[in-house]
């Protein structure tokens, strides 16, 4: 099914599935799902009962079907779908027997285009009422916008003359006092100047990229109408070069946020870096907490709860969580007679400790 959001001017597709139980029909199910998945650029969600497991952890009792796992992961890899992180129940189906089988059969799958639109993705389970399946819900949105702390951006170093600008700022600020005070004030002054420079001189990478794309689009329309003049051709080449530089800066920007250090410089993986950064935020996201038997979901109230909790325990002596009972620890250990260490003959420096002990016993 195709959907359109008038509020966000956003089109997306959703496919609801019910996987076959018959083994002979499972391959046909995956082939049909491949056929309806469409292009990867179209935001898409697949949800329902797949009647298949995607990993060994999806089933705790019985023998897992390895063919199900192979087919499921082949589909995810071929069409770049992934499953958002889950909160709540681990399994979604049970047979309800005395020795129950617990399996995860129900899930949501989204592609990269959907994740770009909604960075915060979470699957949450709902109460199971009168069914052997646990209902699940997909929560999509953006991460909470908080005041940004100052962070030195590696992408600033790509600006022409950046090193000289920083040197001049550092030299022109003078303070008196001890060395630690002067260093602190210089760093504080440098932070203020960097924030102002980044906002008004370096500018937003995204806005500069959009402006370059707009100018290239205008030249492309002129080229379709009458062709480009020599000056316009030179302008187009300059814009393309600037756009390439912007893309490199964009890659550095998202690479710093993804915290991946093992990829080589120059890899064109901006979307990958962005997905890793969003995935880390999803893992750290707290959808709700339990407080006095009630469920708190409002993000502001969750923050106030943690603030009050740590204010309460701040400054208090922490009780040790490790209690060692030495009597029980040495209960079955043979006692060692160390009185020989006080004997006079011990000072004669025997060849070995064993020799000294044996001489002490002989006396």
Protein backbone atom coordinates (compact mmCIF):
# COMPACT_ATOMS: atom_id res chain seq x y z
CA UNK A 1 0.00 0.00 0.00
CA UNK A 2 1.18 3.53 -0.75
CA UNK A 3 0.73 6.38 1.73
CA UNK A 4 1.16 10.14 1.50
CA UNK A 5 1.60 12.55 4.42
CA UNK A 6 0.21 16.00 3.66
CA UNK A 7 1.86 17.42 6.74
CA UNK A 8 5.40 16.44 5.71
CA UNK A 9 4.83 16.13 1.93
CA UNK A 10 6.16 12.61 2.22
CA UNK A 11 5.28 9.44 0.27
CA UNK A 12 6.04 5.95 1.54
CA UNK A 13 4.98 2.35 1.11
CA UNK A 14 3.93 -0.32 3.60
CA UNK A 15 3.61 -4.05 2.96
CA UNK A 16 1.87 -6.31 5.47
CA UNK A 17 2.88 -9.97 5.31
CA UNK A 18 1.82 -13.33 6.65
CA UNK A 19 4.49 -15.90 5.93
CA UNK A 20 3.50 -19.48 5.00
CA UNK A 21 3.89 -22.32 7.46
CA UNK A 22 4.36 -24.88 4.69
CA UNK A 23 8.08 -25.29 3.99
CA UNK A 24 7.53 -25.84 0.28
CA UNK A 25 6.02 -22.35 -0.11
CA UNK A 26 8.60 -20.33 1.82
CA UNK A 27 10.91 -19.65 -1.12
CA UNK A 28 7.95 -18.41 -3.17
CA UNK A 29 7.08 -16.07 -0.27
CA UNK A 30 10.53 -14.49 -0.31
CA UNK A 31 10.48 -14.20 -4.10
CA UNK A 32 7.14 -12.40 -3.97
CA UNK A 33 8.43 -10.08 -1.25
CA UNK A 34 11.43 -9.24 -3.42
CA UNK A 35 9.11 -8.38 -6.30
CA UNK A 36 7.06 -5.88 -4.25
CA UNK A 37 9.99 -4.28 -2.45
CA UNK A 38 10.57 -1.86 -5.31
CA UNK A 39 13.39 0.64 -5.53
CA UNK A 40 15.62 1.24 -2.54
CA UNK A 41 15.12 5.03 -2.84
CA UNK A 42 11.41 4.72 -1.93
CA UNK A 43 10.85 4.74 1.87
CA UNK A 44 9.25 1.41 2.74
CA UNK A 45 8.11 -0.59 5.77
CA UNK A 46 7.42 -4.33 5.83
CA UNK A 47 5.59 -5.69 8.85
CA UNK A 48 3.67 -8.73 10.01
CA UNK A 49 4.05 -12.38 10.89
CA UNK A 50 6.91 -13.77 8.82
CA UNK A 51 6.58 -17.28 10.27
CA UNK A 52 10.36 -17.39 10.10
CA UNK A 53 13.26 -16.58 12.38
CA UNK A 54 16.08 -14.23 11.43
CA UNK A 55 18.67 -15.37 14.00
CA UNK A 56 19.34 -18.24 16.37
CA UNK A 57 18.35 -16.02 19.31
CA UNK A 58 14.79 -15.76 17.93
CA UNK A 59 13.98 -19.23 19.25
CA UNK A 60 15.00 -20.70 22.62
CA UNK A 61 13.35 -24.12 22.50
CA UNK A 62 13.24 -26.68 19.74
CA UNK A 63 15.48 -26.94 16.71
CA UNK A 64 15.89 -23.66 14.77
CA UNK A 65 15.40 -23.79 11.04
CA UNK A 66 18.68 -22.68 9.49
CA UNK A 67 17.10 -22.35 6.04
CA UNK A 68 14.72 -19.71 7.41
CA UNK A 69 17.67 -17.74 8.78
CA UNK A 70 19.56 -17.99 5.48
CA UNK A 71 16.61 -16.83 3.35
CA UNK A 72 15.72 -13.99 5.71
CA UNK A 73 19.23 -12.59 5.90
CA UNK A 74 19.68 -12.95 2.14
CA UNK A 75 16.61 -10.74 1.64
CA UNK A 76 17.86 -8.16 4.15
CA UNK A 77 21.25 -8.00 2.47
CA UNK A 78 19.98 -7.85 -1.12
CA UNK A 79 17.45 -5.08 -0.50
CA UNK A 80 19.20 -3.20 2.34
CA UNK A 81 16.41 -3.71 4.87
CA UNK A 82 17.06 -3.86 8.60
CA UNK A 83 15.08 -4.40 11.78
CA UNK A 84 14.87 -1.49 14.27
CA UNK A 85 15.86 -2.11 17.87
CA UNK A 86 13.19 -3.71 20.06
CA UNK A 87 11.96 -2.65 23.50
CA UNK A 88 9.95 -4.88 25.77
CA UNK A 89 9.14 -8.50 25.00
CA UNK A 90 11.83 -10.64 23.44
CA UNK A 91 9.48 -13.13 21.73
CA UNK A 92 6.18 -12.52 19.96
CA UNK A 93 4.57 -15.98 19.74
CA UNK A 94 4.02 -18.99 21.96
CA UNK A 95 2.19 -22.28 21.45
CA UNK A 96 0.64 -22.04 24.92
CA UNK A 97 1.54 -25.59 25.94
CA UNK A 98 2.74 -26.80 29.35
CA UNK A 99 6.29 -26.68 27.98
CA UNK A 100 5.83 -23.61 25.78
CA UNK A 101 7.83 -22.71 22.72
CA UNK A 102 8.77 -19.05 22.51
CA UNK A 103 9.67 -17.62 19.09
CA UNK A 104 10.03 -14.18 17.54
CA UNK A 105 7.93 -14.32 14.39
CA UNK A 106 6.50 -10.78 14.18
CA UNK A 107 8.65 -7.79 13.34
CA UNK A 108 9.05 -4.56 11.38
CA UNK A 109 11.60 -4.13 8.60
CA UNK A 110 12.55 -0.74 7.14
CA UNK A 111 14.91 0.33 4.38
CA UNK A 112 17.54 3.03 4.42
CA UNK A 113 15.30 5.67 2.84
CA UNK A 114 12.81 5.31 5.70
CA UNK A 115 15.59 5.50 8.32
CA UNK A 116 16.90 8.71 6.76
CA UNK A 117 13.46 10.27 7.11
CA UNK A 118 12.91 9.02 10.68
CA UNK A 119 16.26 8.57 12.49
CA UNK A 120 14.67 7.38 15.75
CA UNK A 121 13.13 3.95 15.18
CA UNK A 122 11.96 1.63 17.94
CA UNK A 123 9.82 -1.49 18.03
CA UNK A 124 7.81 -1.78 21.24
CA UNK A 125 5.58 -4.64 22.37
CA UNK A 126 2.00 -4.18 23.53
CA UNK A 127 -0.02 -6.33 26.00
CA UNK A 128 -1.00 -9.72 24.58
CA UNK A 129 -4.78 -10.11 24.99
CA UNK A 130 -6.59 -13.25 23.79
CA UNK A 131 -4.01 -14.16 21.18
CA UNK A 132 -0.90 -16.29 20.93
CA UNK A 133 0.89 -13.34 19.26
CA UNK A 134 2.26 -10.26 20.99
CA UNK A 135 1.26 -7.03 19.18
CA UNK A 136 4.16 -4.78 18.27
CA UNK A 137 4.25 -1.10 17.38
CA UNK A 138 6.76 0.89 15.35
CA UNK A 139 7.61 4.29 16.81
CA UNK A 140 9.30 6.64 14.36
CA UNK A 141 10.49 10.19 14.73
CA UNK A 142 13.48 12.42 15.31
CA UNK A 143 15.77 12.41 18.30
CA UNK A 144 15.18 14.94 21.03
CA UNK A 145 16.90 18.21 20.25
CA UNK A 146 19.08 19.24 23.20
CA UNK A 147 21.40 22.23 23.61
CA UNK A 148 24.53 21.32 21.72
CA UNK A 149 27.79 21.34 23.68
CA UNK A 150 30.78 22.88 21.98
CA UNK A 151 32.57 20.35 19.81
CA UNK A 152 35.60 20.98 17.65
CA UNK A 153 34.67 19.94 14.12
CA UNK A 154 37.36 18.24 12.06
CA UNK A 155 35.71 19.63 8.95
CA UNK A 156 36.76 23.16 9.95
CA UNK A 157 40.37 22.25 9.21
CA UNK A 158 39.45 21.90 5.51
CA UNK A 159 38.78 25.65 5.28
CA UNK A 160 41.52 27.64 3.60
CA UNK A 161 43.79 29.44 6.07
CA UNK A 162 42.13 27.90 9.12
CA UNK A 163 45.42 27.29 10.96
CA UNK A 164 46.54 30.89 10.54
CA UNK A 165 43.18 32.19 11.74
CA UNK A 166 43.42 30.12 14.94
CA UNK A 167 47.03 31.22 15.54
CA UNK A 168 46.08 34.89 15.26
CA UNK A 169 43.16 34.46 17.67
CA UNK A 170 45.45 32.72 20.15
CA UNK A 171 48.12 35.42 19.99
CA UNK A 172 45.80 38.43 20.18
CA UNK A 173 44.21 37.32 23.48
CA UNK A 174 46.30 38.27 26.52
CA UNK A 175 45.53 37.58 30.17
CA UNK A 176 47.48 37.88 33.39
CA UNK A 177 47.68 35.34 36.17
CA UNK A 178 49.00 31.85 36.72
CA UNK A 179 49.63 29.54 33.78
CA UNK A 180 46.53 27.42 34.35
CA UNK A 181 44.31 30.54 34.52
CA UNK A 182 45.79 31.99 31.32
CA UNK A 183 45.35 28.69 29.47
CA UNK A 184 41.74 28.40 30.62
CA UNK A 185 40.89 31.95 29.52
CA UNK A 186 42.62 31.55 26.15
CA UNK A 187 40.69 28.34 25.44
CA UNK A 188 37.42 29.98 26.47
CA UNK A 189 38.08 32.97 24.21
CA UNK A 190 39.05 30.67 21.35
CA UNK A 191 35.81 28.71 21.74
CA UNK A 192 33.72 31.89 21.43
CA UNK A 193 35.56 32.99 18.30
CA UNK A 194 35.31 29.52 16.71
CA UNK A 195 31.55 29.36 17.30
CA UNK A 196 31.08 32.81 15.70
CA UNK A 197 33.35 31.96 12.77
CA UNK A 198 31.65 28.60 12.16
CA UNK A 199 28.22 30.22 12.10
CA UNK A 200 28.86 33.33 9.99
CA UNK A 201 31.97 32.51 7.91
CA UNK A 202 32.21 28.76 7.48
CA UNK A 203 28.44 28.39 7.33
CA UNK A 204 26.17 25.37 7.19
CA UNK A 205 27.38 22.52 4.99
CA UNK A 206 23.81 21.53 4.21
CA UNK A 207 22.74 25.04 3.14
CA UNK A 208 25.84 25.54 1.00
CA UNK A 209 25.22 22.20 -0.68
CA UNK A 210 21.58 23.10 -1.42
CA UNK A 211 22.64 26.46 -2.85
CA UNK A 212 25.19 24.80 -5.17
CA UNK A 213 22.62 22.26 -6.34
CA UNK A 214 20.16 25.09 -7.04
CA UNK A 215 22.71 26.97 -9.15
CA UNK A 216 23.62 23.82 -11.08
CA UNK A 217 19.93 23.16 -11.70
CA UNK A 218 19.50 26.68 -13.12
CA UNK A 219 22.46 26.20 -15.48
CA UNK A 220 21.11 22.82 -16.53
CA UNK A 221 17.76 24.39 -17.47
CA UNK A 222 19.56 27.09 -19.46
CA UNK A 223 21.57 24.40 -21.24
CA UNK A 224 18.37 22.63 -22.29
CA UNK A 225 16.94 25.88 -23.66
CA UNK A 226 19.80 27.48 -25.60
CA UNK A 227 23.09 25.93 -24.55
CA UNK A 228 25.71 27.40 -22.24
CA UNK A 229 28.11 30.20 -23.07
CA UNK A 230 31.84 29.91 -22.37
CA UNK A 231 31.54 31.84 -19.10
CA UNK A 232 28.55 29.74 -18.03
CA UNK A 233 30.47 26.54 -18.79
CA UNK A 234 33.34 27.76 -16.62
CA UNK A 235 30.85 28.65 -13.90
CA UNK A 236 29.38 25.14 -14.09
CA UNK A 237 32.82 23.55 -13.72
CA UNK A 238 33.57 25.76 -10.71
CA UNK A 239 30.27 24.82 -9.10
CA UNK A 240 30.94 21.11 -9.64
CA UNK A 241 34.36 21.46 -8.00
CA UNK A 242 32.80 23.28 -5.03
CA UNK A 243 30.14 20.59 -4.76
CA UNK A 244 32.82 17.89 -4.63
CA UNK A 245 34.55 19.76 -1.82
CA UNK A 246 31.24 20.10 0.04
CA UNK A 247 30.66 16.35 -0.24
CA UNK A 248 34.07 15.65 1.26
CA UNK A 249 33.30 18.02 4.14
CA UNK A 250 29.95 16.31 4.62
CA UNK A 251 31.67 12.93 4.82
CA UNK A 252 34.13 14.21 7.45
CA UNK A 253 31.23 15.69 9.43
CA UNK A 254 29.32 12.40 9.65
CA UNK A 255 32.42 10.28 10.08
CA UNK A 256 33.29 12.23 13.23
CA UNK A 257 29.81 11.53 14.63
CA UNK A 258 29.83 7.86 13.71
CA UNK A 259 33.04 7.32 15.78
CA UNK A 260 34.37 4.79 13.29
CA UNK A 261 38.14 5.02 13.02
CA UNK A 262 38.86 1.93 10.94
CA UNK A 263 37.62 3.20 7.58
CA UNK A 264 40.16 4.77 5.30
CA UNK A 265 40.05 8.47 4.49
CA UNK A 266 38.23 9.30 1.31
CA UNK A 267 35.60 6.54 1.32
CA UNK A 268 32.31 7.84 -0.03
CA UNK A 269 30.11 6.41 2.74
CA UNK A 270 28.27 9.48 4.02
CA UNK A 271 24.92 7.68 4.29
CA UNK A 272 26.61 4.79 6.07
CA UNK A 273 28.20 7.12 8.63
CA UNK A 274 24.85 8.86 9.16
CA UNK A 275 23.09 5.52 9.68
CA UNK A 276 25.70 4.45 12.26
CA UNK A 277 25.27 7.71 14.18
CA UNK A 278 21.48 7.33 14.18
CA UNK A 279 21.78 3.68 15.19
CA UNK A 280 23.89 4.63 18.20
CA UNK A 281 21.26 7.15 19.26
CA UNK A 282 18.55 4.51 18.93
CA UNK A 283 20.46 2.11 21.18
CA UNK A 284 20.92 4.81 23.82
CA UNK A 285 17.33 6.04 23.60
CA UNK A 286 15.14 5.42 26.69
CA UNK A 287 11.46 5.23 25.61
CA UNK A 288 10.03 4.98 29.13
CA UNK A 289 10.83 4.24 32.78
CA UNK A 290 8.86 2.67 35.64
CA UNK A 291 8.35 4.99 38.60
CA UNK A 292 6.38 3.90 41.68
CA UNK A 293 4.54 1.27 39.65
CA UNK A 294 3.55 3.70 36.89
CA UNK A 295 5.01 4.12 33.43
CA UNK A 296 6.57 7.47 32.51
CA UNK A 297 6.97 8.10 28.76
CA UNK A 298 7.31 11.88 28.52
CA UNK A 299 10.95 12.66 27.71
CA UNK A 300 10.97 15.78 29.90
CA UNK A 301 9.61 13.84 32.91
CA UNK A 302 12.19 11.07 32.34
CA UNK A 303 14.96 13.65 32.40
CA UNK A 304 13.62 15.23 35.61
CA UNK A 305 13.43 11.80 37.25
CA UNK A 306 17.09 11.05 36.54
CA UNK A 307 18.09 14.55 37.65
CA UNK A 308 16.25 14.17 40.98
CA UNK A 309 17.70 10.68 41.52
CA UNK A 310 21.32 11.73 41.07
CA UNK A 311 20.81 14.91 43.11
CA UNK A 312 19.61 12.73 45.95
CA UNK A 313 22.62 10.40 45.93
CA UNK A 314 25.23 13.05 45.10
CA UNK A 315 27.76 13.37 47.91
CA UNK A 316 26.62 10.26 49.76
CA UNK A 317 29.00 7.43 50.58
CA UNK A 318 28.40 4.53 48.28
CA UNK A 319 27.90 1.17 49.93
CA UNK A 320 30.11 -1.56 48.61
CA UNK A 321 28.21 -4.13 46.57
CA UNK A 322 30.96 -6.72 47.16
CA UNK A 323 30.88 -8.40 50.57
CA UNK A 324 33.59 -10.99 51.19
CA UNK A 325 33.27 -13.50 54.02
CA UNK A 326 36.90 -14.45 54.64
CA UNK A 327 35.95 -17.26 57.07
CA UNK A 328 33.98 -19.04 54.35
CA UNK A 329 36.62 -18.20 51.78
CA UNK A 330 39.34 -20.05 53.75
CA UNK A 331 37.04 -22.62 55.32
CA UNK A 332 38.46 -25.57 53.36
CA UNK A 333 42.05 -24.31 53.16
CA UNK A 334 44.77 -26.09 55.14
CA UNK A 335 46.30 -23.90 57.83
CA UNK A 336 49.97 -22.98 57.46
CA UNK A 337 52.27 -22.74 60.49
CA UNK A 338 54.29 -19.57 60.09
CA UNK A 339 55.95 -19.62 63.54
CA UNK A 340 59.15 -20.72 61.83
CA UNK A 341 59.49 -17.19 60.57
CA UNK A 342 60.11 -16.06 64.15
CA UNK A 343 62.80 -18.68 64.86
CA UNK A 344 66.44 -17.61 65.36
CA UNK A 345 67.81 -20.09 62.84
CA UNK A 346 65.80 -18.39 60.11
CA UNK A 347 68.29 -15.52 60.16
CA UNK A 348 71.14 -17.83 59.05
CA UNK A 349 69.97 -17.51 55.44
CA UNK A 350 69.41 -21.17 54.42
CA UNK A 351 69.79 -22.21 50.85
CA UNK A 352 66.05 -22.27 50.41
CA UNK A 353 62.96 -21.54 52.44
CA UNK A 354 62.10 -25.25 52.53
CA UNK A 355 65.51 -26.01 54.04
CA UNK A 356 64.90 -23.44 56.76
CA UNK A 357 61.49 -24.85 57.57
CA UNK A 358 62.78 -28.42 57.73
CA UNK A 359 65.63 -27.37 60.12
CA UNK A 360 63.17 -25.59 62.36
CA UNK A 361 61.03 -28.72 62.57
CA UNK A 362 64.10 -30.84 63.44
CA UNK A 363 64.78 -28.65 66.46
